[in-house]
N, C-alpha and C. Protein backbone atom coordinates (compact mmCIF):
# COMPACT_ATOMS: atom_id res chain seq x y z
N MET A 1 -86.68 -189.14 -12.48
CA MET A 1 -88.02 -189.29 -13.06
C MET A 1 -88.18 -188.34 -14.25
N THR A 2 -87.23 -188.38 -15.16
CA THR A 2 -87.27 -187.48 -16.32
C THR A 2 -88.57 -187.63 -17.09
N LYS A 3 -89.17 -186.49 -17.42
CA LYS A 3 -90.40 -186.43 -18.21
C LYS A 3 -91.62 -187.06 -17.52
N MET A 4 -91.48 -187.47 -16.25
CA MET A 4 -92.60 -188.12 -15.58
C MET A 4 -93.19 -187.18 -14.53
N GLU A 5 -94.46 -187.39 -14.27
CA GLU A 5 -95.13 -186.64 -13.22
C GLU A 5 -95.25 -187.52 -11.99
N ALA A 6 -95.13 -186.94 -10.81
CA ALA A 6 -95.31 -187.68 -9.57
C ALA A 6 -96.70 -187.36 -9.02
N PRO A 7 -97.36 -188.30 -8.33
CA PRO A 7 -96.91 -189.67 -8.09
C PRO A 7 -96.94 -190.52 -9.35
N TYR A 8 -96.28 -191.66 -9.27
CA TYR A 8 -96.16 -192.50 -10.45
C TYR A 8 -96.57 -193.93 -10.10
N VAL A 9 -96.90 -194.68 -11.13
CA VAL A 9 -97.25 -196.09 -10.97
C VAL A 9 -96.19 -196.91 -11.70
N THR A 10 -95.84 -198.06 -11.13
CA THR A 10 -94.87 -198.94 -11.76
C THR A 10 -95.49 -200.31 -12.02
N ILE A 11 -95.12 -200.89 -13.13
CA ILE A 11 -95.36 -202.31 -13.39
C ILE A 11 -93.98 -202.94 -13.31
N ALA A 12 -93.73 -203.66 -12.23
CA ALA A 12 -92.39 -204.18 -11.96
C ALA A 12 -92.40 -205.70 -11.98
N ILE A 13 -91.33 -206.29 -12.52
CA ILE A 13 -91.20 -207.75 -12.55
C ILE A 13 -89.84 -208.14 -12.01
N PHE A 14 -89.78 -209.31 -11.37
CA PHE A 14 -88.53 -209.85 -10.86
C PHE A 14 -88.17 -211.06 -11.70
N PRO A 15 -87.24 -210.90 -12.67
CA PRO A 15 -86.95 -211.98 -13.61
C PRO A 15 -86.06 -213.07 -13.00
N GLU A 16 -85.87 -214.12 -13.78
CA GLU A 16 -84.96 -215.18 -13.38
C GLU A 16 -83.55 -214.61 -13.22
N PRO A 17 -82.80 -215.07 -12.21
CA PRO A 17 -81.41 -214.63 -12.09
C PRO A 17 -80.62 -214.96 -13.36
N GLY A 18 -79.84 -214.03 -13.80
CA GLY A 18 -79.01 -214.26 -14.97
C GLY A 18 -79.71 -214.04 -16.30
N ASP A 19 -80.98 -213.67 -16.28
CA ASP A 19 -81.69 -213.39 -17.53
C ASP A 19 -81.38 -211.96 -17.94
N ASP A 20 -80.46 -211.81 -18.89
CA ASP A 20 -79.96 -210.49 -19.27
C ASP A 20 -80.78 -209.83 -20.37
N HIS A 21 -81.83 -210.49 -20.84
CA HIS A 21 -82.56 -209.98 -22.00
C HIS A 21 -83.94 -209.43 -21.65
N VAL A 22 -84.32 -209.47 -20.38
CA VAL A 22 -85.68 -209.05 -20.00
C VAL A 22 -85.91 -207.58 -20.31
N PHE A 23 -84.94 -206.73 -19.99
CA PHE A 23 -85.10 -205.30 -20.22
C PHE A 23 -85.39 -205.02 -21.69
N GLU A 24 -84.58 -205.59 -22.57
CA GLU A 24 -84.77 -205.38 -24.01
C GLU A 24 -86.10 -205.99 -24.47
N THR A 25 -86.48 -207.13 -23.89
CA THR A 25 -87.74 -207.77 -24.27
C THR A 25 -88.93 -206.88 -23.95
N VAL A 26 -88.90 -206.22 -22.79
CA VAL A 26 -90.00 -205.33 -22.41
C VAL A 26 -90.08 -204.14 -23.37
N CYS A 27 -88.93 -203.57 -23.72
CA CYS A 27 -88.93 -202.46 -24.67
C CYS A 27 -89.48 -202.89 -26.02
N ASP A 28 -89.07 -204.07 -26.49
CA ASP A 28 -89.57 -204.58 -27.77
C ASP A 28 -91.08 -204.80 -27.71
N LEU A 29 -91.57 -205.30 -26.58
CA LEU A 29 -93.01 -205.54 -26.44
C LEU A 29 -93.80 -204.25 -26.57
N LEU A 30 -93.33 -203.18 -25.94
CA LEU A 30 -94.03 -201.91 -26.04
C LEU A 30 -94.09 -201.43 -27.49
N LEU A 31 -93.00 -201.59 -28.22
CA LEU A 31 -92.99 -201.20 -29.63
C LEU A 31 -93.98 -202.04 -30.44
N GLU A 32 -94.04 -203.32 -30.14
CA GLU A 32 -94.97 -204.20 -30.85
C GLU A 32 -96.42 -203.83 -30.55
N ARG A 33 -96.67 -203.28 -29.35
CA ARG A 33 -98.02 -202.87 -28.98
C ARG A 33 -98.41 -201.54 -29.60
N GLY A 34 -97.47 -200.92 -30.31
CA GLY A 34 -97.76 -199.67 -30.98
C GLY A 34 -97.24 -198.44 -30.26
N ALA A 35 -96.47 -198.64 -29.19
CA ALA A 35 -95.91 -197.50 -28.47
C ALA A 35 -94.92 -196.76 -29.36
N ARG A 36 -94.85 -195.45 -29.20
CA ARG A 36 -93.94 -194.62 -29.99
C ARG A 36 -92.72 -194.24 -29.16
N PRO A 37 -91.51 -194.46 -29.66
CA PRO A 37 -90.31 -194.07 -28.92
C PRO A 37 -90.31 -192.56 -28.67
N ASP A 38 -89.85 -192.15 -27.49
CA ASP A 38 -89.83 -190.73 -27.14
C ASP A 38 -88.58 -190.42 -26.33
N GLY A 39 -87.44 -190.82 -26.86
CA GLY A 39 -86.19 -190.65 -26.15
C GLY A 39 -85.70 -192.00 -25.65
N GLU A 40 -84.51 -192.03 -25.07
CA GLU A 40 -83.90 -193.28 -24.63
C GLU A 40 -84.74 -193.96 -23.56
N ASN A 41 -85.24 -195.15 -23.89
CA ASN A 41 -86.06 -195.98 -22.99
C ASN A 41 -87.39 -195.33 -22.61
N HIS A 42 -87.77 -194.27 -23.31
CA HIS A 42 -89.06 -193.61 -23.08
C HIS A 42 -90.01 -193.93 -24.23
N PHE A 43 -91.29 -194.07 -23.91
CA PHE A 43 -92.29 -194.43 -24.91
C PHE A 43 -93.59 -193.69 -24.63
N ILE A 44 -94.42 -193.57 -25.66
CA ILE A 44 -95.78 -193.06 -25.50
C ILE A 44 -96.73 -194.09 -26.09
N GLU A 45 -97.64 -194.59 -25.28
CA GLU A 45 -98.64 -195.56 -25.71
C GLU A 45 -100.01 -195.04 -25.31
N ARG A 46 -100.89 -194.89 -26.29
CA ARG A 46 -102.24 -194.38 -26.02
C ARG A 46 -102.19 -193.07 -25.23
N ARG A 47 -101.31 -192.19 -25.65
CA ARG A 47 -101.11 -190.87 -25.04
C ARG A 47 -100.57 -190.94 -23.61
N ARG A 48 -100.12 -192.12 -23.19
CA ARG A 48 -99.53 -192.26 -21.86
C ARG A 48 -98.02 -192.35 -21.99
N ARG A 49 -97.33 -191.46 -21.31
CA ARG A 49 -95.88 -191.46 -21.33
C ARG A 49 -95.35 -192.46 -20.30
N MET A 50 -94.36 -193.24 -20.69
CA MET A 50 -93.79 -194.21 -19.77
C MET A 50 -92.33 -194.42 -20.12
N TYR A 51 -91.58 -195.00 -19.18
CA TYR A 51 -90.23 -195.40 -19.51
C TYR A 51 -89.92 -196.73 -18.83
N VAL A 52 -88.94 -197.42 -19.37
CA VAL A 52 -88.54 -198.73 -18.85
C VAL A 52 -87.21 -198.55 -18.14
N ASP A 53 -87.11 -199.14 -16.95
CA ASP A 53 -85.93 -198.92 -16.13
C ASP A 53 -85.50 -200.22 -15.46
N ARG A 54 -84.21 -200.35 -15.24
CA ARG A 54 -83.69 -201.43 -14.40
C ARG A 54 -83.52 -200.88 -12.99
N SER A 55 -84.11 -201.54 -12.03
CA SER A 55 -83.94 -201.08 -10.66
C SER A 55 -82.49 -201.22 -10.25
N PRO A 56 -81.93 -200.22 -9.53
CA PRO A 56 -80.53 -200.32 -9.09
C PRO A 56 -80.35 -201.24 -7.90
N ARG A 57 -81.44 -201.86 -7.40
CA ARG A 57 -81.34 -202.75 -6.25
C ARG A 57 -80.90 -204.14 -6.73
N PHE A 58 -80.03 -204.79 -5.97
CA PHE A 58 -79.47 -206.06 -6.39
C PHE A 58 -79.76 -207.15 -5.36
N ASP A 59 -80.33 -208.26 -5.82
CA ASP A 59 -80.54 -209.45 -5.00
C ASP A 59 -80.62 -210.63 -5.96
N LEU A 60 -79.48 -211.07 -6.44
CA LEU A 60 -79.37 -212.13 -7.45
C LEU A 60 -79.86 -211.67 -8.82
N ALA A 61 -80.96 -210.96 -8.85
CA ALA A 61 -81.45 -210.32 -10.08
C ALA A 61 -82.18 -209.06 -9.66
N GLY A 62 -82.22 -208.08 -10.54
CA GLY A 62 -82.89 -206.84 -10.19
C GLY A 62 -84.21 -206.70 -10.92
N PRO A 63 -85.19 -206.06 -10.30
CA PRO A 63 -86.47 -205.85 -10.96
C PRO A 63 -86.33 -204.99 -12.22
N VAL A 64 -87.20 -205.22 -13.16
CA VAL A 64 -87.34 -204.38 -14.34
C VAL A 64 -88.69 -203.69 -14.23
N GLU A 65 -88.73 -202.37 -14.46
CA GLU A 65 -89.94 -201.60 -14.21
C GLU A 65 -90.38 -200.80 -15.43
N ILE A 66 -91.69 -200.75 -15.63
CA ILE A 66 -92.31 -199.78 -16.53
C ILE A 66 -92.92 -198.71 -15.62
N VAL A 67 -92.53 -197.47 -15.82
CA VAL A 67 -92.94 -196.39 -14.94
C VAL A 67 -93.76 -195.38 -15.73
N MET A 68 -94.89 -194.94 -15.14
CA MET A 68 -95.73 -193.93 -15.78
C MET A 68 -96.46 -193.14 -14.70
N SER A 69 -97.14 -192.09 -15.09
CA SER A 69 -97.94 -191.32 -14.16
C SER A 69 -99.05 -192.20 -13.59
N ALA A 70 -99.35 -192.01 -12.31
CA ALA A 70 -100.41 -192.79 -11.67
C ALA A 70 -101.78 -192.46 -12.24
N GLY A 71 -101.90 -191.31 -12.89
CA GLY A 71 -103.12 -190.97 -13.61
C GLY A 71 -104.39 -191.10 -12.78
N ALA A 72 -105.35 -191.84 -13.32
CA ALA A 72 -106.67 -191.93 -12.69
C ALA A 72 -106.63 -192.60 -11.33
N LEU A 73 -105.59 -193.37 -11.03
CA LEU A 73 -105.52 -194.02 -9.73
C LEU A 73 -105.21 -193.03 -8.61
N ASP A 74 -104.72 -191.85 -8.97
CA ASP A 74 -104.34 -190.87 -7.96
C ASP A 74 -105.19 -189.60 -8.03
N ASP A 75 -105.86 -189.35 -9.15
CA ASP A 75 -106.60 -188.11 -9.34
C ASP A 75 -107.98 -188.20 -8.69
N PRO A 76 -108.26 -187.39 -7.65
CA PRO A 76 -109.55 -187.47 -6.96
C PRO A 76 -110.72 -187.00 -7.82
N ASP A 77 -110.43 -186.34 -8.94
CA ASP A 77 -111.52 -185.82 -9.78
C ASP A 77 -111.98 -186.81 -10.85
N THR A 78 -111.28 -187.94 -10.98
CA THR A 78 -111.70 -188.91 -11.99
C THR A 78 -112.89 -189.71 -11.49
N THR A 79 -113.70 -190.18 -12.43
CA THR A 79 -114.87 -190.98 -12.07
C THR A 79 -114.44 -192.41 -11.75
N ARG A 80 -115.33 -193.12 -11.10
CA ARG A 80 -115.06 -194.52 -10.78
C ARG A 80 -114.86 -195.32 -12.05
N ARG A 81 -115.64 -195.01 -13.08
CA ARG A 81 -115.50 -195.73 -14.35
C ARG A 81 -114.13 -195.48 -14.97
N GLU A 82 -113.66 -194.23 -14.94
CA GLU A 82 -112.34 -193.91 -15.50
C GLU A 82 -111.23 -194.61 -14.73
N THR A 83 -111.37 -194.66 -13.40
CA THR A 83 -110.37 -195.33 -12.58
C THR A 83 -110.32 -196.82 -12.90
N ALA A 84 -111.49 -197.44 -13.01
CA ALA A 84 -111.55 -198.87 -13.33
C ALA A 84 -111.00 -199.14 -14.73
N ALA A 85 -111.27 -198.23 -15.68
CA ALA A 85 -110.76 -198.41 -17.04
C ALA A 85 -109.24 -198.35 -17.06
N PHE A 86 -108.65 -197.42 -16.30
CA PHE A 86 -107.19 -197.33 -16.23
C PHE A 86 -106.62 -198.59 -15.58
N ALA A 87 -107.32 -199.11 -14.56
CA ALA A 87 -106.87 -200.33 -13.90
C ALA A 87 -106.89 -201.51 -14.87
N ARG A 88 -107.91 -201.57 -15.73
CA ARG A 88 -107.96 -202.65 -16.73
C ARG A 88 -106.79 -202.54 -17.71
N TYR A 89 -106.47 -201.31 -18.10
CA TYR A 89 -105.34 -201.10 -19.00
C TYR A 89 -104.05 -201.58 -18.34
N LEU A 90 -103.83 -201.22 -17.08
CA LEU A 90 -102.62 -201.62 -16.39
C LEU A 90 -102.55 -203.14 -16.22
N THR A 91 -103.69 -203.76 -15.89
CA THR A 91 -103.71 -205.21 -15.74
C THR A 91 -103.37 -205.89 -17.06
N GLY A 92 -103.94 -205.38 -18.15
CA GLY A 92 -103.64 -205.94 -19.45
C GLY A 92 -102.17 -205.80 -19.81
N LEU A 93 -101.58 -204.66 -19.46
CA LEU A 93 -100.16 -204.44 -19.74
C LEU A 93 -99.31 -205.39 -18.90
N LEU A 94 -99.66 -205.55 -17.62
CA LEU A 94 -98.92 -206.48 -16.77
C LEU A 94 -98.98 -207.90 -17.34
N VAL A 95 -100.17 -208.33 -17.73
CA VAL A 95 -100.31 -209.68 -18.28
C VAL A 95 -99.49 -209.84 -19.55
N ALA A 96 -99.50 -208.82 -20.41
CA ALA A 96 -98.71 -208.89 -21.64
C ALA A 96 -97.22 -209.02 -21.33
N VAL A 97 -96.76 -208.29 -20.33
CA VAL A 97 -95.34 -208.33 -19.96
C VAL A 97 -94.97 -209.69 -19.39
N VAL A 98 -95.78 -210.21 -18.45
CA VAL A 98 -95.40 -211.48 -17.82
C VAL A 98 -95.55 -212.65 -18.80
N GLU A 99 -96.49 -212.55 -19.74
CA GLU A 99 -96.60 -213.62 -20.73
C GLU A 99 -95.35 -213.67 -21.61
N ARG A 100 -94.78 -212.51 -21.90
CA ARG A 100 -93.61 -212.46 -22.76
C ARG A 100 -92.32 -212.80 -22.00
N THR A 101 -92.20 -212.34 -20.77
CA THR A 101 -90.93 -212.47 -20.06
C THR A 101 -90.90 -213.62 -19.05
N ARG A 102 -92.06 -214.11 -18.61
CA ARG A 102 -92.15 -215.21 -17.64
C ARG A 102 -91.27 -214.94 -16.40
N PRO A 103 -91.49 -213.82 -15.70
CA PRO A 103 -90.70 -213.53 -14.52
C PRO A 103 -91.14 -214.41 -13.34
N MET A 104 -90.36 -214.42 -12.29
CA MET A 104 -90.73 -215.18 -11.10
C MET A 104 -91.99 -214.58 -10.47
N TYR A 105 -92.00 -213.25 -10.33
CA TYR A 105 -93.17 -212.57 -9.81
C TYR A 105 -93.10 -211.11 -10.21
N GLY A 106 -94.18 -210.39 -9.96
CA GLY A 106 -94.23 -208.97 -10.33
C GLY A 106 -95.50 -208.34 -9.83
N GLY A 107 -95.74 -207.08 -10.22
CA GLY A 107 -96.95 -206.44 -9.75
C GLY A 107 -97.08 -205.00 -10.20
N ILE A 108 -98.17 -204.39 -9.76
CA ILE A 108 -98.48 -202.99 -10.06
C ILE A 108 -98.57 -202.24 -8.74
N GLY A 109 -97.89 -201.11 -8.65
CA GLY A 109 -97.95 -200.35 -7.41
C GLY A 109 -97.70 -198.87 -7.64
N ILE A 110 -98.29 -198.04 -6.79
CA ILE A 110 -98.08 -196.60 -6.85
C ILE A 110 -96.96 -196.24 -5.88
N GLU A 111 -95.85 -195.79 -6.46
CA GLU A 111 -94.68 -195.42 -5.68
C GLU A 111 -94.30 -196.53 -4.70
N ALA A 112 -94.37 -197.78 -5.17
CA ALA A 112 -94.05 -198.93 -4.33
C ALA A 112 -92.87 -199.68 -4.92
N CYS A 113 -91.95 -200.11 -4.05
CA CYS A 113 -90.79 -200.88 -4.48
C CYS A 113 -91.15 -202.36 -4.49
N LEU A 114 -90.77 -203.06 -5.55
CA LEU A 114 -91.00 -204.49 -5.60
C LEU A 114 -89.99 -205.17 -4.69
N PRO A 115 -90.44 -206.04 -3.76
CA PRO A 115 -89.50 -206.67 -2.83
C PRO A 115 -88.67 -207.76 -3.50
N THR A 116 -87.45 -207.91 -3.04
CA THR A 116 -86.59 -209.00 -3.49
C THR A 116 -86.96 -210.27 -2.71
N PRO A 117 -86.53 -211.45 -3.17
CA PRO A 117 -86.82 -212.67 -2.41
C PRO A 117 -86.36 -212.61 -0.97
N SER A 118 -85.17 -212.07 -0.71
CA SER A 118 -84.68 -212.02 0.68
C SER A 118 -85.55 -211.11 1.53
N GLU A 119 -86.03 -210.00 0.97
CA GLU A 119 -86.91 -209.11 1.72
C GLU A 119 -88.24 -209.79 2.02
N LEU A 120 -88.74 -210.56 1.07
CA LEU A 120 -89.97 -211.30 1.30
C LEU A 120 -89.80 -212.30 2.44
N ARG A 121 -88.71 -213.04 2.42
CA ARG A 121 -88.47 -214.05 3.45
C ARG A 121 -88.39 -213.43 4.84
N GLU A 122 -87.88 -212.21 4.92
CA GLU A 122 -87.71 -211.56 6.22
C GLU A 122 -89.03 -211.10 6.82
N GLY A 123 -90.10 -211.15 6.03
CA GLY A 123 -91.41 -210.78 6.56
C GLY A 123 -91.68 -209.30 6.45
N VAL A 124 -91.68 -208.77 5.23
CA VAL A 124 -91.85 -207.35 5.01
C VAL A 124 -93.24 -206.89 5.42
N SER A 125 -93.33 -205.63 5.76
CA SER A 125 -94.64 -205.02 6.05
C SER A 125 -95.33 -204.71 4.74
N PRO A 126 -96.60 -205.11 4.57
CA PRO A 126 -97.31 -204.78 3.34
C PRO A 126 -97.30 -203.28 3.04
N GLN A 127 -97.35 -202.46 4.10
CA GLN A 127 -97.39 -201.02 3.89
C GLN A 127 -96.15 -200.53 3.15
N GLY A 128 -95.04 -201.24 3.32
CA GLY A 128 -93.81 -200.80 2.69
C GLY A 128 -93.52 -201.43 1.35
N PHE A 129 -94.10 -202.61 1.07
CA PHE A 129 -93.61 -203.34 -0.08
C PHE A 129 -94.66 -203.89 -1.04
N VAL A 130 -95.82 -204.26 -0.57
CA VAL A 130 -96.74 -205.02 -1.41
C VAL A 130 -97.30 -204.18 -2.55
N THR A 131 -97.25 -204.75 -3.75
CA THR A 131 -97.97 -204.16 -4.88
C THR A 131 -99.29 -204.90 -4.99
N ASP A 132 -100.31 -204.22 -5.41
CA ASP A 132 -101.65 -204.82 -5.52
C ASP A 132 -102.28 -204.26 -6.79
N PRO A 133 -102.33 -205.07 -7.87
CA PRO A 133 -102.21 -206.52 -8.00
C PRO A 133 -100.77 -207.04 -7.89
N PHE A 134 -100.70 -208.38 -7.73
CA PHE A 134 -99.43 -209.06 -7.60
C PHE A 134 -99.47 -210.33 -8.43
N PHE A 135 -98.43 -210.55 -9.27
CA PHE A 135 -98.36 -211.73 -10.14
C PHE A 135 -97.36 -212.74 -9.58
N VAL A 136 -97.72 -214.04 -9.68
CA VAL A 136 -96.79 -215.12 -9.33
C VAL A 136 -96.83 -216.15 -10.46
N ARG A 137 -95.65 -216.60 -10.88
CA ARG A 137 -95.55 -217.53 -11.99
C ARG A 137 -96.12 -218.90 -11.63
N ALA A 138 -96.64 -219.62 -12.62
CA ALA A 138 -97.37 -220.86 -12.40
C ALA A 138 -96.55 -221.92 -11.68
N ASP A 139 -95.28 -222.08 -12.06
CA ASP A 139 -94.50 -223.15 -11.43
C ASP A 139 -94.23 -222.87 -9.96
N LEU A 140 -94.12 -221.60 -9.58
CA LEU A 140 -93.95 -221.28 -8.16
C LEU A 140 -95.24 -221.55 -7.39
N LEU A 141 -96.36 -221.39 -8.06
CA LEU A 141 -97.66 -221.66 -7.41
C LEU A 141 -97.93 -223.15 -7.31
N GLY A 142 -96.98 -223.99 -7.78
CA GLY A 142 -97.11 -225.42 -7.60
C GLY A 142 -97.07 -225.81 -6.14
N SER A 143 -96.59 -224.89 -5.29
CA SER A 143 -96.63 -225.10 -3.85
C SER A 143 -98.05 -224.83 -3.36
N PRO A 144 -98.81 -225.87 -2.95
CA PRO A 144 -100.22 -225.68 -2.56
C PRO A 144 -100.39 -224.63 -1.46
N ALA A 145 -99.48 -224.63 -0.49
CA ALA A 145 -99.62 -223.69 0.61
C ALA A 145 -99.54 -222.25 0.12
N LEU A 146 -98.67 -221.98 -0.86
CA LEU A 146 -98.50 -220.62 -1.37
C LEU A 146 -99.76 -220.16 -2.09
N LYS A 147 -100.26 -220.97 -3.02
CA LYS A 147 -101.44 -220.56 -3.77
C LYS A 147 -102.64 -220.38 -2.87
N GLU A 148 -102.81 -221.28 -1.90
CA GLU A 148 -103.94 -221.19 -0.97
C GLU A 148 -103.85 -219.93 -0.13
N THR A 149 -102.64 -219.61 0.35
CA THR A 149 -102.47 -218.42 1.19
C THR A 149 -102.74 -217.15 0.41
N LEU A 150 -102.19 -217.05 -0.80
CA LEU A 150 -102.40 -215.85 -1.61
C LEU A 150 -103.87 -215.69 -1.99
N ALA A 151 -104.53 -216.78 -2.35
CA ALA A 151 -105.94 -216.72 -2.71
C ALA A 151 -106.78 -216.26 -1.52
N GLY A 152 -106.33 -216.59 -0.30
CA GLY A 152 -107.07 -216.16 0.89
C GLY A 152 -106.81 -214.71 1.26
N GLU A 153 -105.66 -214.17 0.85
CA GLU A 153 -105.31 -212.79 1.19
C GLU A 153 -105.90 -211.79 0.20
N PHE A 154 -105.94 -212.15 -1.09
CA PHE A 154 -106.46 -211.25 -2.11
C PHE A 154 -107.90 -211.61 -2.45
N ARG A 155 -108.63 -210.65 -3.02
CA ARG A 155 -110.05 -210.86 -3.29
C ARG A 155 -110.33 -211.41 -4.68
N ARG A 156 -109.37 -211.32 -5.61
CA ARG A 156 -109.61 -211.79 -6.96
C ARG A 156 -108.37 -212.47 -7.51
N SER A 157 -108.57 -213.52 -8.27
CA SER A 157 -107.48 -214.21 -8.95
C SER A 157 -107.73 -214.15 -10.45
N ILE A 158 -106.74 -213.67 -11.21
CA ILE A 158 -106.83 -213.55 -12.66
C ILE A 158 -105.83 -214.53 -13.26
N GLU A 159 -106.32 -215.59 -13.89
CA GLU A 159 -105.44 -216.61 -14.45
C GLU A 159 -104.95 -216.18 -15.84
N CYS A 160 -103.67 -216.45 -16.10
CA CYS A 160 -103.12 -216.27 -17.44
C CYS A 160 -102.17 -217.42 -17.70
N ARG A 161 -101.64 -217.52 -18.91
CA ARG A 161 -100.79 -218.66 -19.25
C ARG A 161 -99.54 -218.70 -18.38
N ALA A 162 -99.01 -217.53 -18.03
CA ALA A 162 -97.76 -217.49 -17.27
C ALA A 162 -97.96 -217.78 -15.79
N GLY A 163 -99.14 -217.54 -15.26
CA GLY A 163 -99.37 -217.73 -13.83
C GLY A 163 -100.67 -217.09 -13.40
N THR A 164 -100.66 -216.46 -12.22
CA THR A 164 -101.88 -215.88 -11.66
C THR A 164 -101.60 -214.46 -11.17
N VAL A 165 -102.51 -213.54 -11.47
CA VAL A 165 -102.48 -212.19 -10.93
C VAL A 165 -103.50 -212.13 -9.79
N PHE A 166 -103.04 -211.77 -8.61
CA PHE A 166 -103.91 -211.64 -7.45
C PHE A 166 -104.18 -210.16 -7.19
N ALA A 167 -105.42 -209.81 -6.87
CA ALA A 167 -105.77 -208.40 -6.66
C ALA A 167 -106.78 -208.24 -5.53
N SER A 168 -106.68 -207.13 -4.82
CA SER A 168 -107.65 -206.78 -3.79
C SER A 168 -108.18 -205.36 -3.91
N TRP A 169 -107.38 -204.47 -4.49
CA TRP A 169 -107.78 -203.07 -4.60
C TRP A 169 -108.94 -202.97 -5.58
N TRP A 170 -110.00 -202.25 -5.21
CA TRP A 170 -111.26 -202.29 -5.94
C TRP A 170 -111.16 -201.95 -7.43
N PRO A 171 -110.30 -201.02 -7.88
CA PRO A 171 -110.27 -200.78 -9.34
C PRO A 171 -109.87 -202.02 -10.14
N PHE A 172 -109.12 -202.91 -9.51
CA PHE A 172 -108.64 -204.10 -10.19
C PHE A 172 -109.51 -205.33 -9.93
N VAL A 173 -110.53 -205.19 -9.10
CA VAL A 173 -111.37 -206.34 -8.74
C VAL A 173 -112.70 -206.30 -9.48
N ASP A 174 -113.52 -205.31 -9.16
CA ASP A 174 -114.84 -205.24 -9.79
C ASP A 174 -115.28 -203.81 -10.14
N GLY A 175 -114.39 -202.83 -9.90
CA GLY A 175 -114.73 -201.45 -10.22
C GLY A 175 -115.66 -200.79 -9.23
N LYS A 176 -115.96 -201.46 -8.12
CA LYS A 176 -116.85 -200.90 -7.10
C LYS A 176 -116.05 -200.61 -5.85
N GLU A 177 -116.11 -199.36 -5.41
CA GLU A 177 -115.34 -198.98 -4.24
C GLU A 177 -115.75 -199.83 -3.04
N SER A 178 -114.74 -200.22 -2.25
CA SER A 178 -115.01 -201.11 -1.13
C SER A 178 -114.09 -200.78 0.04
N THR A 179 -114.48 -201.25 1.22
CA THR A 179 -113.69 -201.12 2.42
C THR A 179 -113.55 -202.50 3.05
N PRO A 180 -112.34 -203.00 3.32
CA PRO A 180 -111.07 -202.34 3.00
C PRO A 180 -110.82 -202.29 1.50
N GLY A 181 -109.98 -201.36 1.08
CA GLY A 181 -109.78 -201.15 -0.33
C GLY A 181 -108.74 -202.04 -0.97
N GLY A 182 -107.95 -202.75 -0.18
CA GLY A 182 -106.91 -203.59 -0.75
C GLY A 182 -106.34 -204.52 0.31
N LEU A 183 -105.17 -205.08 0.02
CA LEU A 183 -104.53 -205.98 0.97
C LEU A 183 -104.21 -205.22 2.26
N SER A 184 -104.45 -205.87 3.39
CA SER A 184 -104.24 -205.22 4.69
C SER A 184 -102.80 -204.74 4.84
N ILE A 185 -102.64 -203.54 5.37
CA ILE A 185 -101.29 -203.00 5.59
C ILE A 185 -100.90 -203.06 7.07
N TRP A 186 -101.71 -203.72 7.88
CA TRP A 186 -101.48 -203.68 9.31
C TRP A 186 -100.85 -204.95 9.86
N GLN A 187 -100.45 -205.86 8.99
CA GLN A 187 -99.82 -207.08 9.47
C GLN A 187 -98.77 -207.55 8.46
N THR A 188 -97.85 -208.38 8.95
CA THR A 188 -96.83 -208.92 8.06
C THR A 188 -97.50 -209.75 6.98
N TRP A 189 -97.00 -209.64 5.77
CA TRP A 189 -97.62 -210.29 4.63
C TRP A 189 -97.22 -211.77 4.59
N ALA A 190 -98.12 -212.64 5.06
CA ALA A 190 -97.83 -214.07 5.16
C ALA A 190 -97.53 -214.67 3.79
N GLY A 191 -98.33 -214.29 2.78
CA GLY A 191 -98.10 -214.81 1.45
C GLY A 191 -96.74 -214.43 0.90
N GLY A 192 -96.29 -213.23 1.25
CA GLY A 192 -94.99 -212.78 0.81
C GLY A 192 -93.86 -213.62 1.40
N ARG A 193 -93.98 -213.97 2.67
CA ARG A 193 -92.94 -214.78 3.30
C ARG A 193 -92.86 -216.16 2.64
N LEU A 194 -94.03 -216.74 2.35
CA LEU A 194 -94.04 -218.03 1.67
C LEU A 194 -93.43 -217.91 0.27
N LEU A 195 -93.81 -216.86 -0.46
CA LEU A 195 -93.27 -216.66 -1.80
C LEU A 195 -91.76 -216.49 -1.76
N GLY A 196 -91.26 -215.75 -0.78
CA GLY A 196 -89.82 -215.56 -0.66
C GLY A 196 -89.09 -216.87 -0.49
N ARG A 197 -89.66 -217.77 0.33
CA ARG A 197 -89.01 -219.07 0.54
C ARG A 197 -89.06 -219.92 -0.74
N VAL A 198 -90.23 -219.92 -1.41
CA VAL A 198 -90.36 -220.69 -2.64
C VAL A 198 -89.42 -220.16 -3.71
N ALA A 199 -89.35 -218.83 -3.85
CA ALA A 199 -88.46 -218.24 -4.85
C ALA A 199 -87.01 -218.55 -4.55
N ALA A 200 -86.63 -218.50 -3.28
CA ALA A 200 -85.25 -218.80 -2.90
C ALA A 200 -84.89 -220.24 -3.22
N ARG A 201 -85.81 -221.17 -2.96
CA ARG A 201 -85.55 -222.58 -3.28
C ARG A 201 -85.39 -222.75 -4.79
N HIS A 202 -86.25 -222.06 -5.56
CA HIS A 202 -86.17 -222.16 -7.01
C HIS A 202 -84.82 -221.64 -7.51
N ILE A 203 -84.35 -220.54 -6.96
CA ILE A 203 -83.07 -219.96 -7.37
C ILE A 203 -81.92 -220.91 -7.05
N ARG A 204 -81.97 -221.54 -5.88
CA ARG A 204 -80.90 -222.46 -5.51
C ARG A 204 -80.87 -223.67 -6.46
N LYS A 205 -82.07 -224.19 -6.78
CA LYS A 205 -82.12 -225.35 -7.67
C LYS A 205 -81.65 -224.96 -9.08
N SER A 206 -82.00 -223.77 -9.52
CA SER A 206 -81.61 -223.33 -10.85
C SER A 206 -80.10 -223.17 -10.96
N GLY A 207 -79.45 -222.88 -9.83
CA GLY A 207 -78.02 -222.66 -9.84
C GLY A 207 -77.22 -223.95 -9.77
N GLN A 208 -77.89 -225.07 -9.54
CA GLN A 208 -77.18 -226.34 -9.41
C GLN A 208 -76.91 -226.94 -10.79
């Protein structure tokens, strides 16, 4: 975590298998947004230090992550307005990334690992894996059961050209603190299991 403060927040995406250009595309996007280079794969955007990384985990394709300090999402002294403003910034950055790269899925999480399709299929515990918000690409949401399940689990749906961002944690929903504060961590994530199966089918078809 060179030059980064812990805890940290990640914007992680799971690209198409065999897409070797996503990492470079994300770096180029940050530069186009006005980010200033600050060392190898490190950038500063709006006084926020971040870096782009390839996850060392392998499952047909590896996640690509933008990592930065969790900032207002972790600081108990920040106001509700500041927390919501930081959440809007992160959501906007996630949407910009997925619009450019069109990954299978992705999300925003504090010290959270993005699950691979096989981990999703196995029925991961939300406490260990779920990022909130969570993005799913439009063609994968062509499965009615998947979209209906995710819409029922999360409190807000944010549509974009690439797909849908689902959110439950209050900074990303309406800026008003709520209980529960996000997706339940006490049960297996049903939407994740469905997504894992849909993603696996898509990968198999793409390989034919």
